[in-house]
Amino acid sequence: MLNGLLILIVIYVTTLDWLPFLPHKDQPVIFLIKVIWD
């Protein structure tokens, strides 16, 4: 389960790297990482 979430986050972050014109989407990723690791 956790591995699946990490894979989704990695894919999401990788998509962000390819879409630099959508920097606002970086906030939910940071929030999710904080929630998962806290």
N, C-alpha and C. Protein backbone atom coordinates (compact mmCIF):
# COMPACT_ATOMS: atom_id res chain seq x y z
N MET A 1 0.84 -1.20 0.00
CA MET A 1 0.00 0.00 0.00
C MET A 1 0.88 1.25 0.00
N LEU A 2 1.82 1.30 0.95
CA LEU A 2 2.70 2.47 1.05
C LEU A 2 3.56 2.60 -0.19
N ASN A 3 4.05 1.45 -0.70
CA ASN A 3 4.87 1.49 -1.92
C ASN A 3 4.07 2.06 -3.08
N GLY A 4 2.80 1.71 -3.16
CA GLY A 4 1.95 2.22 -4.23
C GLY A 4 1.80 3.73 -4.14
N LEU A 5 1.64 4.23 -2.91
CA LEU A 5 1.51 5.68 -2.71
C LEU A 5 2.80 6.38 -3.10
N LEU A 6 3.94 5.80 -2.73
CA LEU A 6 5.23 6.40 -3.07
C LEU A 6 5.42 6.43 -4.57
N ILE A 7 5.01 5.36 -5.26
CA ILE A 7 5.13 5.32 -6.73
C ILE A 7 4.27 6.41 -7.35
N LEU A 8 3.04 6.58 -6.84
CA LEU A 8 2.16 7.63 -7.37
C LEU A 8 2.78 9.00 -7.16
N ILE A 9 3.38 9.22 -5.99
CA ILE A 9 4.02 10.51 -5.71
C ILE A 9 5.19 10.73 -6.65
N VAL A 10 5.99 9.69 -6.87
CA VAL A 10 7.14 9.82 -7.78
C VAL A 10 6.67 10.16 -9.18
N ILE A 11 5.61 9.48 -9.65
CA ILE A 11 5.07 9.77 -10.98
C ILE A 11 4.55 11.20 -11.04
N TYR A 12 3.86 11.62 -9.97
CA TYR A 12 3.31 12.98 -9.93
C TYR A 12 4.42 14.03 -9.97
N VAL A 13 5.46 13.80 -9.16
CA VAL A 13 6.59 14.74 -9.13
C VAL A 13 7.30 14.75 -10.48
N THR A 14 7.46 13.57 -11.08
CA THR A 14 8.11 13.49 -12.40
C THR A 14 7.31 14.26 -13.43
N THR A 15 5.98 14.16 -13.34
CA THR A 15 5.12 14.92 -14.26
C THR A 15 5.32 16.41 -14.06
N LEU A 16 5.51 16.82 -12.79
CA LEU A 16 5.74 18.24 -12.50
C LEU A 16 7.04 18.70 -13.14
N ASP A 17 8.05 17.82 -13.14
CA ASP A 17 9.33 18.19 -13.75
C ASP A 17 9.15 18.44 -15.24
N TRP A 18 8.22 17.73 -15.86
CA TRP A 18 7.98 17.91 -17.29
C TRP A 18 7.01 19.05 -17.56
N LEU A 19 6.33 19.52 -16.48
CA LEU A 19 5.37 20.61 -16.64
C LEU A 19 5.76 21.77 -15.74
N PRO A 20 6.86 22.46 -16.06
CA PRO A 20 7.34 23.55 -15.20
C PRO A 20 6.40 24.75 -15.19
N PHE A 21 5.47 24.80 -16.16
CA PHE A 21 4.55 25.92 -16.22
C PHE A 21 3.37 25.75 -15.27
N LEU A 22 3.38 24.67 -14.47
CA LEU A 22 2.32 24.46 -13.48
C LEU A 22 2.94 24.31 -12.09
N PRO A 23 3.62 25.36 -11.61
CA PRO A 23 4.31 25.26 -10.32
C PRO A 23 3.36 25.15 -9.13
N HIS A 24 2.12 25.59 -9.32
CA HIS A 24 1.16 25.56 -8.21
C HIS A 24 0.82 24.14 -7.81
N LYS A 25 1.03 23.17 -8.69
CA LYS A 25 0.72 21.78 -8.36
C LYS A 25 1.76 21.18 -7.42
N ASP A 26 2.85 21.89 -7.19
CA ASP A 26 3.90 21.38 -6.32
C ASP A 26 3.46 21.41 -4.86
N GLN A 27 2.55 22.31 -4.52
CA GLN A 27 2.10 22.44 -3.14
C GLN A 27 1.38 21.18 -2.63
N PRO A 28 0.42 20.62 -3.36
CA PRO A 28 -0.24 19.39 -2.89
C PRO A 28 0.73 18.25 -2.71
N VAL A 29 1.76 18.17 -3.55
CA VAL A 29 2.75 17.10 -3.43
C VAL A 29 3.50 17.23 -2.12
N ILE A 30 3.95 18.46 -1.83
CA ILE A 30 4.67 18.70 -0.57
C ILE A 30 3.76 18.38 0.61
N PHE A 31 2.50 18.76 0.51
CA PHE A 31 1.55 18.50 1.60
C PHE A 31 1.35 17.00 1.80
N LEU A 32 1.20 16.25 0.71
CA LEU A 32 1.02 14.80 0.81
C LEU A 32 2.23 14.13 1.42
N ILE A 33 3.43 14.56 0.99
CA ILE A 33 4.65 13.96 1.54
C ILE A 33 4.73 14.23 3.04
N LYS A 34 4.40 15.44 3.46
CA LYS A 34 4.44 15.78 4.89
C LYS A 34 3.43 14.94 5.66
N VAL A 35 2.24 14.75 5.10
CA VAL A 35 1.20 13.97 5.78
C VAL A 35 1.62 12.51 5.91
N ILE A 36 2.20 11.96 4.83
CA ILE A 36 2.59 10.54 4.83
C ILE A 36 3.75 10.30 5.79
N TRP A 37 4.73 11.19 5.79
CA TRP A 37 5.94 10.96 6.60
C TRP A 37 5.75 11.40 8.05
N ASP A 38 4.73 12.22 8.35
CA ASP A 38 4.50 12.64 9.74
C ASP A 38 3.58 11.68 10.47
